[in-house]
Amino acid sequence: MQSLSIPPHLRRFIWPVLGLIFLLAVNLIIAPEFFQLEIKDGRIYGSLIDVLNRAAPVALLAIGMTLVIATGGVDLSVGSVMAIAGAVSASLIVAGVDNMVLVVGAGLTAGVLAGLVNGFLVGYFGIQPIVATLILMVAGRGIAQLINAGQIVTFSHEGFAYLGVGYFLGLPFPVVLVVVAFLLFQLLMRRTALGLFVESVGANSGASYYIGINDKMIKLMVYAVSGLCAALAGMIAAADIGGSDANNAGLWLELDAILAVVIGGASLMGGRFSIALSIIGALIIQTLTITIILSGVPPKFNLMIKAAVIIAILLLQSPQLHRQLSRFSFSRSRSSAAKG
């Protein structure tokens, strides 16, 4: 009888998926109604839907961050780009612009331009990604504050609000946007040579150049995609609250996005990547946040518990740990056999 064999490309899913299932099981124990779903007026409600909805901005950031990290880079500016896109859209609405295509298009354009700035600094000027994106991380919030004239801008626009609080086919619209973005970039990266180019640049940028891959253009592209995803997340956040707060929009979400990608098993050194695993990582982060809230743990312990659980998940995925455990198990079996 043949033993069950898991295809190599699916093995990377084991620990992230098990980690997510474990957290969901803990939530079920704490709150037995956690998995209950209810349909009202054609809309699906429930704790699971809340997890998906609240994870949407980080999931969008993680999609773009996955491609950046796959090239050996990092984008610390995505939180600030969220603030810029939200400020641009809010300012247009307040100015009386009612055309949704123009409002959303302006926000997305702002995000892409921000990404292109990062891409030029990294790809064409050779500045270290952490330094190049740190510049926009700091300056970006200043730009958003200038757009908002130093104020928290509030607005009321039913069409734009749909991005954050609308429903489509019974699901929150932010969740639908994540699914569409995932399918789009998964198709581009896995059904064309683009994904191989990205992985090649991350594995060895110099060698990629000599086999005909324009590493500068690839880096420019992935940072532009990261800016696009951040802009979309920023507009969702602005639409959700009906306003633009340049100081707090997307604050520290760049760290959650990076963490989601790492939980998904990607190496910060670049190379192989999985957009699906990064989204699972975003779901793990949001589920963990919900778990801590439901457990009634004092808020002062939240970050410590979150860090401890995430470290445990990362250790379970560590190839080095698996090798050490295998060696330990092998040495014990040999010693037992010798004694026998």
Protein backbone atom coordinates (compact mmCIF):
# COMPACT_ATOMS: atom_id res chain seq x y z
CA MET A 1 0.00 0.00 0.00
CA GLN A 2 1.48 3.33 -1.02
CA SER A 3 1.87 6.01 1.62
CA LEU A 4 0.08 9.29 1.20
CA SER A 5 2.34 11.75 -0.57
CA ILE A 6 1.69 15.49 -0.54
CA PRO A 7 2.86 17.33 -3.68
CA PRO A 8 5.83 19.62 -2.91
CA HIS A 9 3.98 22.77 -4.01
CA LEU A 10 1.23 22.03 -1.46
CA ARG A 11 3.47 21.25 1.51
CA ARG A 12 4.04 24.94 2.18
CA PHE A 13 0.32 25.31 2.87
CA ILE A 14 0.27 22.79 5.73
CA TRP A 15 1.48 24.88 8.68
CA PRO A 16 -0.20 28.19 7.76
CA VAL A 17 -3.52 26.42 7.19
CA LEU A 18 -3.17 24.40 10.40
CA GLY A 19 -2.35 27.61 12.28
CA LEU A 20 -5.49 29.27 10.93
CA ILE A 21 -7.63 26.22 11.75
CA PHE A 22 -6.21 26.14 15.29
CA LEU A 23 -7.08 29.79 15.90
CA LEU A 24 -10.58 29.29 14.49
CA ALA A 25 -11.03 26.26 16.77
CA VAL A 26 -9.95 28.32 19.80
CA ASN A 27 -12.51 30.96 18.86
CA LEU A 28 -15.18 28.26 18.59
CA ILE A 29 -14.35 27.07 22.11
CA ILE A 30 -14.42 30.60 23.52
CA ALA A 31 -17.55 31.63 21.61
CA PRO A 32 -19.69 28.65 20.45
CA GLU A 33 -21.63 30.94 18.10
CA PHE A 34 -18.45 31.96 16.26
CA PHE A 35 -19.24 29.89 13.15
CA GLN A 36 -22.89 30.88 12.99
CA LEU A 37 -23.91 32.72 9.84
CA GLU A 38 -27.11 34.67 9.30
CA ILE A 39 -28.65 36.03 6.13
CA LYS A 40 -30.57 39.29 6.33
CA ASP A 41 -31.79 41.23 3.31
CA GLY A 42 -29.55 39.15 1.06
CA ARG A 43 -26.44 39.87 3.15
CA ILE A 44 -24.40 37.33 5.09
CA TYR A 45 -23.54 38.25 8.68
CA GLY A 46 -21.42 36.47 11.27
CA SER A 47 -18.06 36.44 13.02
CA LEU A 48 -16.37 34.63 10.13
CA ILE A 49 -17.56 37.32 7.72
CA ASP A 50 -16.24 39.97 10.12
CA VAL A 51 -12.82 38.29 10.08
CA LEU A 52 -12.76 38.31 6.28
CA ASN A 53 -13.98 41.91 6.10
CA ARG A 54 -11.52 43.28 8.67
CA ALA A 55 -8.64 41.36 7.12
CA ALA A 56 -9.31 42.83 3.65
CA PRO A 57 -7.03 45.92 3.87
CA VAL A 58 -4.08 43.90 5.19
CA ALA A 59 -4.75 41.19 2.60
CA LEU A 60 -4.58 43.78 -0.19
CA LEU A 61 -1.35 45.19 1.23
CA ALA A 62 0.01 41.65 1.50
CA ILE A 63 -0.64 40.98 -2.20
CA GLY A 64 1.55 43.89 -3.22
CA MET A 65 4.08 43.25 -0.46
CA THR A 66 4.45 39.63 -1.59
CA LEU A 67 5.74 40.71 -4.99
CA VAL A 68 8.07 43.32 -3.49
CA ILE A 69 9.55 40.84 -0.99
CA ALA A 70 9.88 38.25 -3.77
CA THR A 71 12.35 40.60 -5.49
CA GLY A 72 14.36 40.88 -2.28
CA GLY A 73 12.88 44.25 -1.32
CA VAL A 74 10.45 45.60 1.25
CA ASP A 75 7.91 48.43 1.17
CA LEU A 76 7.58 50.35 4.43
CA SER A 77 5.52 53.10 2.82
CA VAL A 78 2.24 51.26 2.22
CA GLY A 79 0.57 52.68 5.34
CA SER A 80 1.42 56.22 4.26
CA VAL A 81 0.27 55.50 0.70
CA MET A 82 -3.06 54.41 2.18
CA ALA A 83 -3.28 57.81 3.87
CA ILE A 84 -2.41 59.64 0.63
CA ALA A 85 -5.00 57.77 -1.46
CA GLY A 86 -7.68 58.31 1.17
CA ALA A 87 -6.83 62.01 1.37
CA VAL A 88 -6.91 62.45 -2.42
CA SER A 89 -10.30 60.75 -2.75
CA ALA A 90 -11.78 62.57 0.25
CA SER A 91 -10.58 65.97 -0.97
CA LEU A 92 -12.18 65.42 -4.38
CA ILE A 93 -15.50 64.40 -2.82
CA VAL A 94 -15.46 67.43 -0.50
CA ALA A 95 -14.64 69.62 -3.51
CA GLY A 96 -17.88 68.45 -5.13
CA VAL A 97 -16.59 65.82 -7.56
CA ASP A 98 -19.38 63.27 -7.91
CA ASN A 99 -17.86 61.08 -10.62
CA MET A 100 -16.85 57.82 -8.92
CA VAL A 101 -14.52 56.85 -11.75
CA LEU A 102 -12.60 60.10 -11.29
CA VAL A 103 -12.51 59.85 -7.49
CA VAL A 104 -11.35 56.22 -7.40
CA GLY A 105 -9.06 56.71 -10.39
CA ALA A 106 -7.34 59.66 -8.70
CA GLY A 107 -6.76 57.63 -5.54
CA LEU A 108 -5.34 54.69 -7.47
CA THR A 109 -3.16 56.99 -9.57
CA ALA A 110 -1.72 58.56 -6.42
CA GLY A 111 -0.84 55.09 -5.13
CA VAL A 112 0.79 54.01 -8.39
CA LEU A 113 2.83 57.23 -8.56
CA ALA A 114 4.04 56.67 -5.01
CA GLY A 115 5.00 53.12 -5.93
CA LEU A 116 6.84 54.33 -9.03
CA VAL A 117 8.88 56.72 -6.87
CA ASN A 118 9.90 53.81 -4.67
CA GLY A 119 10.62 51.67 -7.72
CA PHE A 120 12.86 54.30 -9.31
CA LEU A 121 14.81 54.81 -6.08
CA VAL A 122 15.33 51.07 -5.63
CA GLY A 123 15.66 49.86 -9.21
CA TYR A 124 17.36 52.72 -11.02
CA PHE A 125 19.25 54.53 -8.26
CA GLY A 126 20.28 51.44 -6.28
CA ILE A 127 19.05 52.75 -2.92
CA GLN A 128 18.38 50.05 -0.34
CA PRO A 129 14.63 49.26 -0.29
CA ILE A 130 14.29 49.80 3.46
CA VAL A 131 15.82 53.28 3.11
CA ALA A 132 13.99 54.26 -0.09
CA THR A 133 10.56 53.28 1.23
CA LEU A 134 11.27 54.72 4.68
CA ILE A 135 11.55 58.13 2.98
CA LEU A 136 8.00 57.89 1.64
CA MET A 137 6.80 56.30 4.88
CA VAL A 138 7.74 59.52 6.69
CA ALA A 139 7.03 62.03 3.92
CA GLY A 140 3.82 60.34 2.80
CA ARG A 141 1.88 61.26 5.92
CA GLY A 142 3.09 64.83 5.54
CA ILE A 143 1.78 64.84 1.96
CA ALA A 144 -1.57 63.46 3.14
CA GLN A 145 -1.76 66.14 5.84
CA LEU A 146 -1.04 68.83 3.25
CA ILE A 147 -3.85 67.51 1.05
CA ASN A 148 -6.20 67.56 4.05
CA ALA A 149 -4.90 70.98 5.20
CA GLY A 150 -4.03 69.45 8.55
CA GLN A 151 -7.65 68.47 9.26
CA ILE A 152 -9.61 65.24 9.53
CA VAL A 153 -11.76 65.43 6.40
CA THR A 154 -15.23 63.90 6.64
CA PHE A 155 -17.66 63.35 3.79
CA SER A 156 -20.90 61.68 2.82
CA HIS A 157 -20.94 59.94 -0.54
CA GLU A 158 -23.07 56.84 -1.03
CA GLY A 159 -21.18 55.61 -4.08
CA PHE A 160 -17.74 55.91 -2.50
CA ALA A 161 -18.96 54.50 0.82
CA TYR A 162 -19.87 51.30 -1.06
CA LEU A 163 -16.14 50.50 -1.26
CA GLY A 164 -16.00 50.12 2.51
CA VAL A 165 -19.48 49.15 3.67
CA GLY A 166 -21.23 47.84 0.55
CA TYR A 167 -22.23 44.24 -0.18
CA PHE A 168 -21.99 42.26 -3.41
CA LEU A 169 -23.60 38.83 -3.79
CA GLY A 170 -24.13 38.76 -0.03
CA LEU A 171 -20.47 39.40 0.83
CA PRO A 172 -18.84 42.63 2.05
CA PHE A 173 -17.47 44.49 -0.96
CA PRO A 174 -13.90 44.72 0.48
CA VAL A 175 -13.83 40.90 0.53
CA VAL A 176 -14.92 40.82 -3.11
CA LEU A 177 -12.15 43.27 -4.00
CA VAL A 178 -9.57 41.03 -2.34
CA VAL A 179 -10.83 38.01 -4.28
CA VAL A 180 -10.71 39.94 -7.57
CA ALA A 181 -7.20 41.27 -6.83
CA PHE A 182 -6.00 37.80 -5.87
CA LEU A 183 -7.37 36.18 -9.03
CA LEU A 184 -5.96 38.96 -11.21
CA PHE A 185 -2.42 38.87 -9.85
CA GLN A 186 -2.42 35.09 -9.48
CA LEU A 187 -3.31 34.86 -13.17
CA LEU A 188 -0.60 37.35 -14.14
CA MET A 189 2.08 35.74 -12.02
CA ARG A 190 1.36 32.06 -12.62
CA ARG A 191 -0.10 31.99 -16.14
CA THR A 192 2.55 34.23 -17.68
CA ALA A 193 6.33 34.41 -17.38
CA LEU A 194 6.05 37.44 -15.10
CA GLY A 195 6.07 35.37 -11.92
CA LEU A 196 9.25 33.59 -12.98
CA PHE A 197 10.87 36.95 -13.75
CA VAL A 198 9.99 38.23 -10.27
CA GLU A 199 11.37 35.11 -8.58
CA SER A 200 14.50 35.22 -10.74
CA VAL A 201 15.22 38.84 -9.79
CA GLY A 202 14.75 37.98 -6.12
CA ALA A 203 16.96 34.91 -6.29
CA ASN A 204 19.80 36.61 -8.17
CA SER A 205 19.29 40.07 -9.63
CA GLY A 206 22.69 40.16 -11.35
CA ALA A 207 22.29 36.78 -13.02
CA SER A 208 18.77 37.75 -14.16
CA TYR A 209 20.21 40.71 -16.02
CA TYR A 210 22.62 38.50 -17.94
CA ILE A 211 19.88 36.14 -19.11
CA GLY A 212 17.88 39.04 -20.53
CA ILE A 213 15.55 39.98 -17.67
CA ASN A 214 15.28 43.71 -17.05
CA ASP A 215 15.60 43.64 -13.27
CA LYS A 216 15.10 47.41 -13.00
CA MET A 217 11.74 47.27 -14.78
CA ILE A 218 10.64 44.28 -12.70
CA LYS A 219 11.41 46.17 -9.48
CA LEU A 220 9.65 49.26 -10.80
CA MET A 221 6.60 47.15 -11.61
CA VAL A 222 6.32 45.39 -8.23
CA TYR A 223 6.59 48.65 -6.29
CA ALA A 224 3.93 50.18 -8.55
CA VAL A 225 1.68 47.18 -7.82
CA SER A 226 2.35 47.59 -4.11
CA GLY A 227 1.34 51.25 -4.36
CA LEU A 228 -1.81 50.30 -6.29
CA CYS A 229 -2.84 47.75 -3.64
CA ALA A 230 -2.09 50.22 -0.84
CA ALA A 231 -4.19 52.90 -2.54
CA LEU A 232 -7.14 50.52 -2.84
CA ALA A 233 -6.78 49.56 0.83
CA GLY A 234 -6.61 53.24 1.76
CA MET A 235 -9.81 54.07 -0.08
CA ILE A 236 -11.56 51.13 1.59
CA ALA A 237 -10.45 52.47 4.98
CA ALA A 238 -11.62 56.00 4.12
CA ALA A 239 -14.95 54.75 2.77
CA ASP A 240 -15.49 52.61 5.87
CA ILE A 241 -15.29 55.56 8.28
CA GLY A 242 -16.55 58.24 5.90
CA GLY A 243 -13.44 60.34 6.28
CA SER A 244 -9.70 60.77 5.84
CA ASP A 245 -7.40 60.90 8.88
CA ALA A 246 -3.87 61.40 7.58
CA ASN A 247 -2.33 60.70 10.99
CA ASN A 248 -3.95 57.33 11.62
CA ALA A 249 -4.98 55.87 8.25
CA GLY A 250 -3.01 52.67 7.70
CA LEU A 251 -0.81 53.37 10.73
CA TRP A 252 1.64 50.46 11.22
CA LEU A 253 -0.28 48.26 8.77
CA GLU A 254 2.93 47.91 6.77
CA LEU A 255 4.22 45.72 9.61
CA ASP A 256 1.12 43.51 9.50
CA ALA A 257 1.50 43.21 5.72
CA ILE A 258 5.15 42.15 6.01
CA LEU A 259 4.24 39.74 8.79
CA ALA A 260 1.44 38.22 6.69
CA VAL A 261 3.90 37.52 3.88
CA VAL A 262 6.43 35.99 6.28
CA ILE A 263 3.76 33.84 7.96
CA GLY A 264 2.92 32.67 4.45
CA GLY A 265 6.42 31.23 4.22
CA ALA A 266 8.10 33.78 1.94
CA SER A 267 11.77 34.54 2.50
CA LEU A 268 12.76 38.16 3.10
CA MET A 269 15.82 37.40 0.97
CA GLY A 270 13.59 37.08 -2.10
CA GLY A 271 12.78 34.25 -4.49
CA ARG A 272 9.75 31.97 -4.37
CA PHE A 273 6.44 33.46 -3.29
CA SER A 274 2.79 32.56 -2.85
CA ILE A 275 0.06 35.19 -2.94
CA ALA A 276 -2.45 32.68 -1.55
CA LEU A 277 -0.27 31.96 1.49
CA SER A 278 0.20 35.68 2.13
CA ILE A 279 -3.58 36.12 2.23
CA ILE A 280 -3.80 33.20 4.66
CA GLY A 281 -1.19 35.03 6.73
CA ALA A 282 -3.41 38.13 6.78
CA LEU A 283 -6.34 35.98 7.91
CA ILE A 284 -4.21 34.48 10.69
CA ILE A 285 -3.30 37.96 11.96
CA GLN A 286 -6.93 39.13 11.98
CA THR A 287 -8.20 35.88 13.51
CA LEU A 288 -5.59 36.16 16.24
CA THR A 289 -6.75 39.71 16.98
CA ILE A 290 -10.35 38.49 17.28
CA THR A 291 -9.23 35.57 19.48
CA ILE A 292 -7.49 37.89 21.93
CA ILE A 293 -10.55 40.15 22.11
CA LEU A 294 -12.96 37.25 22.67
CA SER A 295 -10.76 35.69 25.35
CA GLY A 296 -11.14 38.77 27.53
CA VAL A 297 -7.40 39.22 28.02
CA PRO A 298 -6.52 42.72 29.34
CA PRO A 299 -5.56 44.98 26.41
CA LYS A 300 -2.07 45.60 27.82
CA PHE A 301 -1.18 41.96 27.08
CA ASN A 302 -2.56 41.91 23.52
CA LEU A 303 0.65 42.72 21.65
CA MET A 304 2.72 40.31 23.77
CA ILE A 305 0.33 37.43 23.14
CA LYS A 306 0.10 38.28 19.46
CA ALA A 307 3.90 38.29 19.17
CA ALA A 308 4.25 34.98 21.05
CA VAL A 309 1.67 33.17 18.90
CA ILE A 310 3.15 34.50 15.67
CA ILE A 311 6.66 33.44 16.75
CA ALA A 312 5.28 29.95 17.40
CA ILE A 313 3.71 29.83 13.93
CA LEU A 314 6.96 30.96 12.31
CA LEU A 315 8.97 28.37 14.26
CA LEU A 316 6.63 25.61 13.12
CA GLN A 317 7.32 26.65 9.52
CA SER A 318 11.09 26.90 9.98
CA PRO A 319 13.00 24.36 7.83
CA GLN A 320 15.96 24.64 10.21
CA LEU A 321 13.76 23.62 13.16
CA HIS A 322 12.38 20.68 11.20
CA ARG A 323 15.93 19.53 10.38
CA GLN A 324 17.03 19.84 14.00
CA LEU A 325 14.02 17.84 15.20
CA SER A 326 14.68 15.18 12.56
CA ARG A 327 18.31 14.88 13.65
CA PHE A 328 17.28 14.68 17.31
CA SER A 329 14.71 11.99 16.54
CA PHE A 330 17.23 10.06 14.43
CA SER A 331 19.92 10.20 17.13
CA ARG A 332 17.45 8.98 19.77
CA SER A 333 16.34 6.09 17.60
CA ARG A 334 19.96 5.08 17.00
CA SER A 335 20.77 5.19 20.72
CA SER A 336 17.67 3.14 21.51
CA ALA A 337 18.64 0.57 18.90
CA ALA A 338 22.18 0.38 20.31
CA LYS A 339 20.88 -0.24 23.83
CA GLY A 340 18.52 -2.90 22.54
